[in-house]
Protein backbone atom coordinates (compact mmCIF):
# COMPACT_ATOMS: atom_id res chain seq x y z
CA MET A 1 -15.73 -23.26 21.25
CA LYS A 2 -12.57 -21.38 22.45
CA SER A 3 -10.99 -21.64 18.89
CA ILE A 4 -14.18 -20.23 17.50
CA LEU A 5 -14.19 -17.28 19.85
CA VAL A 6 -10.52 -16.55 19.08
CA THR A 7 -11.31 -16.69 15.31
CA ILE A 8 -14.11 -14.25 15.71
CA ALA A 9 -11.90 -11.79 17.82
CA LEU A 10 -9.20 -11.97 15.16
CA LEU A 11 -11.80 -11.25 12.52
CA TYR A 12 -13.10 -8.19 14.39
CA ALA A 13 -9.61 -7.02 14.77
CA VAL A 14 -8.88 -7.16 11.12
CA LEU A 15 -12.10 -5.45 10.20
CA ALA A 16 -11.33 -2.63 12.63
CA ARG A 17 -8.22 -1.93 10.73
CA LEU A 18 -9.71 -1.73 7.23
CA PRO A 19 -9.65 1.53 5.52
CA GLY A 20 -12.97 3.32 6.25
CA GLN A 21 -13.39 1.71 9.52
CA PRO A 22 -14.62 3.42 11.72
CA VAL A 23 -14.19 6.97 10.22
CA ALA A 24 -16.26 6.58 7.07
CA GLY A 25 -18.49 9.50 6.40
CA ALA A 26 -18.34 13.27 6.88
CA TRP A 27 -17.13 15.11 10.03
CA ARG A 28 -17.38 18.67 11.01
CA LEU A 29 -14.66 20.44 13.12
CA ALA A 30 -16.22 21.24 16.46
CA VAL A 31 -14.50 24.59 17.20
CA THR A 32 -13.76 26.73 14.28
CA ASP A 33 -14.30 30.47 15.20
CA GLY A 34 -17.13 30.81 12.69
CA ALA A 35 -15.54 28.80 9.81
CA GLU A 36 -17.08 25.69 8.40
CA VAL A 37 -14.46 22.80 8.26
CA ILE A 38 -15.68 19.42 6.71
CA LYS A 39 -13.56 16.24 6.39
CA ILE A 40 -14.79 13.38 4.30
CA PHE A 41 -13.48 9.81 4.64
CA ALA A 42 -14.41 7.09 2.19
CA SER A 43 -12.75 4.06 0.53
CA GLY A 44 -9.39 4.77 1.89
CA TYR A 45 -9.27 8.36 0.75
CA PHE A 46 -10.11 11.55 2.56
CA MET A 47 -10.28 15.28 1.93
CA CYS A 48 -10.80 18.37 4.22
CA GLY A 49 -12.04 21.71 3.08
CA ALA A 50 -12.57 24.93 4.95
CA ARG A 51 -14.62 28.12 4.24
CA ASP A 52 -15.49 31.14 6.24
CA ALA A 53 -19.13 32.30 7.05
CA GLY A 54 -19.38 34.10 3.75
CA GLY A 55 -18.30 31.21 1.69
CA LYS A 56 -14.63 32.38 1.10
CA PHE A 57 -12.18 29.44 0.56
CA LEU A 58 -9.61 29.01 3.40
CA TYR A 59 -7.73 25.84 3.03
CA ALA A 60 -7.82 22.22 2.02
CA TYR A 61 -5.90 19.03 2.24
CA GLY A 62 -6.33 15.37 1.43
CA GLY A 63 -4.81 11.98 0.50
CA SER A 64 -5.02 8.39 1.68
CA TYR A 65 -5.65 7.18 5.18
CA GLN A 66 -5.63 4.26 7.47
CA ALA A 67 -7.74 3.96 10.68
CA THR A 68 -7.82 1.82 13.73
CA PRO A 69 -10.08 2.34 16.81
CA ASN A 70 -7.30 4.32 18.43
CA GLN A 71 -5.07 5.62 15.58
CA LEU A 72 -5.47 7.60 12.35
CA THR A 73 -2.77 8.04 9.85
CA GLU A 74 -3.14 10.53 6.89
CA THR A 75 -0.72 10.73 3.99
CA TYR A 76 -1.07 13.95 2.00
CA ASP A 77 -1.56 14.16 -1.77
CA PHE A 78 -1.97 18.02 -1.42
CA TYR A 79 -1.81 20.44 1.40
CA THR A 80 -2.74 24.07 0.51
CA ALA A 81 -1.47 25.68 3.69
CA ASP A 82 2.02 23.91 3.30
CA SER A 83 2.90 22.16 0.10
CA THR A 84 6.07 20.67 1.77
CA ARG A 85 3.78 18.36 3.48
CA THR A 86 2.71 16.80 0.19
CA GLY A 87 3.85 13.15 0.32
CA THR A 88 4.41 13.00 4.10
CA SER A 89 2.27 11.23 6.68
CA GLN A 90 0.88 12.25 10.07
CA THR A 91 -0.28 9.77 12.62
CA TYR A 92 -2.78 10.85 15.35
CA ARG A 93 -3.83 9.11 18.54
CA VAL A 94 -7.60 9.17 18.51
CA ARG A 95 -10.65 8.29 20.51
CA PHE A 96 -14.09 7.62 19.15
CA ALA A 97 -16.86 8.78 21.50
CA GLY A 98 -20.38 8.27 20.05
CA ASN A 99 -20.60 10.79 17.19
CA ARG A 100 -17.27 12.39 17.88
CA ILE A 101 -13.60 11.93 16.79
CA GLU A 102 -11.23 13.26 19.46
CA ILE A 103 -7.68 13.85 18.50
CA LEU A 104 -5.61 13.42 21.55
CA THR A 105 -2.20 14.73 22.78
CA HIS A 106 0.45 12.44 24.18
CA THR A 107 -1.06 12.97 27.62
CA GLY A 108 -4.50 11.91 26.57
CA ALA A 109 -6.07 15.53 26.49
CA VAL A 110 -8.44 16.35 23.71
CA ALA A 111 -6.56 18.62 21.31
CA GLU A 112 -9.25 18.60 18.56
CA ALA A 113 -12.80 17.20 18.13
CA TRP A 114 -14.80 16.39 15.03
CA GLU A 115 -18.58 15.82 15.12
CA ARG A 116 -20.33 13.35 12.74
CA ALA A 117 -21.95 15.40 9.91
CA ASP A 118 -23.15 12.38 7.81
CA GLU A 119 -22.92 8.69 7.67
CA GLY A 120 -25.44 7.91 4.98
CA LYS A 121 -24.64 6.27 1.66
CA THR A 122 -25.69 6.56 -2.01
CA GLU A 123 -24.50 4.83 -5.10
CA LEU A 124 -21.78 7.51 -5.47
CA THR A 125 -20.45 7.17 -1.86
CA GLY A 126 -16.72 6.45 -2.01
CA ALA A 127 -13.60 7.92 -3.76
CA TRP A 128 -13.39 8.50 -7.54
CA ARG A 129 -10.57 9.35 -9.86
CA PHE A 130 -10.96 11.45 -13.07
CA GLY A 131 -10.68 9.10 -16.04
CA ALA A 132 -11.41 10.93 -19.22
CA ARG A 133 -13.56 13.43 -21.23
CA VAL A 134 -16.51 12.01 -23.01
CA ASP A 135 -17.37 13.13 -26.54
CA ASP A 136 -20.82 13.96 -28.05
CA ALA A 137 -21.34 10.33 -29.02
CA GLY A 138 -20.75 9.11 -25.62
CA LYS A 139 -17.26 7.68 -26.25
CA ALA A 140 -14.53 8.32 -23.59
CA GLY A 141 -11.17 9.38 -24.69
CA GLU A 142 -7.83 7.99 -23.57
CA ARG A 143 -7.99 7.49 -19.81
CA ARG A 144 -5.59 9.22 -17.44
CA SER A 145 -3.36 6.49 -15.63
CA ALA A 146 -3.68 5.85 -12.02
CA ASP A 147 0.03 6.14 -11.79
CA SER A 148 0.12 9.63 -13.37
CA PRO A 149 1.52 12.33 -10.91
CA ARG A 150 -1.43 14.64 -11.95
CA GLN A 151 -4.72 13.44 -10.60
CA THR A 152 -8.15 14.87 -10.00
CA VAL A 153 -10.04 13.05 -7.21
CA LYS A 154 -13.56 13.32 -5.91
CA VAL A 155 -14.69 11.90 -2.47
CA LEU A 156 -18.32 11.62 -1.44
CA SER A 157 -20.07 10.55 1.72
CA GLY A 158 -23.91 10.20 1.67
CA ARG A 159 -24.43 13.95 1.56
CA TYR A 160 -21.11 15.85 1.21
CA PHE A 161 -18.61 16.01 -1.65
CA GLN A 162 -15.19 17.40 -2.26
CA TRP A 163 -12.88 17.22 -5.43
CA ALA A 164 -9.37 18.36 -5.67
CA ALA A 165 -6.84 18.55 -8.70
CA PHE A 166 -3.08 18.23 -7.96
CA ASN A 167 0.32 17.02 -8.96
CA ARG A 168 1.95 14.69 -6.32
CA GLN A 169 5.40 14.92 -8.20
CA THR A 170 5.60 18.83 -8.30
CA ARG A 171 3.34 19.40 -5.22
CA GLN A 172 1.42 21.75 -7.40
CA PHE A 173 -2.29 22.33 -6.34
CA MET A 174 -4.59 23.14 -9.09
CA GLY A 175 -8.02 23.64 -7.33
CA THR A 176 -10.76 22.21 -5.02
CA GLY A 177 -14.33 22.71 -4.38
CA GLY A 178 -16.91 21.13 -2.26
CA GLY A 179 -20.35 21.22 -0.47
CA THR A 180 -23.41 18.89 -0.39
CA TYR A 181 -25.10 16.95 -3.19
CA THR A 182 -28.16 15.04 -3.94
CA LEU A 183 -28.73 11.92 -6.23
CA GLU A 184 -32.22 11.30 -7.47
CA ASN A 185 -33.77 9.64 -10.58
CA GLY A 186 -30.43 9.75 -12.57
CA LYS A 187 -29.74 13.47 -11.53
CA TYR A 188 -26.71 14.31 -9.63
CA THR A 189 -26.84 17.90 -8.12
CA GLU A 190 -23.93 19.69 -6.43
CA ASN A 191 -24.61 22.49 -4.06
CA ILE A 192 -21.34 24.36 -3.95
CA ARG A 193 -20.26 25.78 -0.52
CA PHE A 194 -16.61 26.56 -1.50
CA PHE A 195 -14.53 26.78 -4.69
CA SER A 196 -10.89 27.75 -4.39
CA ARG A 197 -10.62 29.28 -7.81
CA ASP A 198 -13.46 31.71 -7.49
CA ASN A 199 -15.32 32.40 -4.24
CA SER A 200 -18.26 33.82 -6.05
CA ARG A 201 -19.17 30.36 -7.09
CA ALA A 202 -20.17 29.54 -3.42
CA GLY A 203 -23.96 29.07 -3.41
CA LEU A 204 -24.28 27.79 -6.96
CA SER A 205 -26.10 24.44 -7.66
CA LEU A 206 -25.13 22.40 -10.68
CA THR A 207 -27.25 19.35 -11.99
CA PHE A 208 -25.71 16.64 -14.11
CA ASP A 209 -27.11 13.56 -15.90
CA CYS A 210 -25.69 10.71 -13.96
CA ARG A 211 -24.97 7.01 -14.84
CA ILE A 212 -23.15 4.27 -12.98
CA ASP A 213 -21.74 1.50 -15.20
CA GLY A 214 -19.68 -0.82 -13.08
CA ASN A 215 -16.77 1.14 -11.60
CA ASP A 216 -17.46 4.03 -13.96
CA TRP A 217 -19.38 7.07 -13.16
CA TYR A 218 -20.54 9.07 -16.21
CA HIS A 219 -21.95 12.54 -15.78
CA LYS A 220 -22.93 15.40 -18.17
CA GLY A 221 -24.02 18.88 -17.58
CA LYS A 222 -22.98 22.48 -17.33
CA GLY A 223 -19.96 23.42 -15.02
CA THR A 224 -19.30 26.55 -13.07
CA THR A 225 -18.35 28.36 -16.02
CA GLY A 226 -21.46 27.39 -17.94
CA ASN A 227 -19.69 25.21 -20.50
CA VAL A 228 -20.92 21.59 -20.94
CA VAL A 229 -18.91 18.95 -18.97
CA SER A 230 -19.14 15.38 -20.00
CA GLU A 231 -16.76 13.00 -18.07
CA VAL A 232 -16.15 9.58 -16.83
CA TRP A 233 -14.77 9.01 -13.33
CA GLU A 234 -13.33 5.65 -12.16
CA ARG A 235 -14.10 4.24 -8.59
CA MET A 236 -10.89 4.05 -6.46
CA ARG A 237 -10.52 0.64 -4.61
C-alpha cells in the first residue's frame, strides 16, 4: 500500500510540472489603470496582449513557458516593449489562489495578480504555427519549417485568441492581434480587440470556414484588408 501511495504522489508531482498545468487558459491582469491585458497559456506556449479602453494597441510579448504549482518560467520569442528580452527567460515565484495567479516578491508579497478570464476548451484550444498558404484547389504550398527563425504563432483558449509574427534570430517583431473567438458549425469567427498594425481594426469581426484534419487547421475567409485568406496551421506539441 505504501509503495502505491508513493507512486501516486510521484505521478501527481510529474503532472503538476507538465506545460499547461495549472495555468492553462486565459487570464486578465487585475490592476491596469483602464487598460485590458489578457495572457493566454496553452500547450506550452503563451502570449500577452494589452490595449487601452479605446482599443489602441499598447504592448505584447510571448513565447514558451514552464509552470509548477509555485513557479512560472517564461522564455520570450518576442517582446514589443524591449526587443533585447527576446531569447531570454524570466522565472517568477507564483501562488495559485482560486481563480487568481499571484506573482510574488522575494518576501512573499503580491507584486501582481491575474484573474482567470476563461478556462473552457474547443477543438482549437492550444498553440498553432503557421504552415502554408492554400491555393484555390485546396492544396497547401511548401510548409514553413518549425526551425525557421521567422514564425507566426496563434494561441487560443476556449474563448480568447492572439497571434504574433516575429523573427527570433533578428528579434524583429512584425505584428500581433487578438480578442475573442467563437467556433460553431465549421465557422470560426474572430472578434478583434486589438491589432498592432492598425488600431482602427479593433471591433471588426472576421468569419472563416474552418476544418481540422489531424494536427492541421485549415481556414479560409476574408482578412482585415478584405482580401481572401486561405491557410493551414500546424498544432504545436
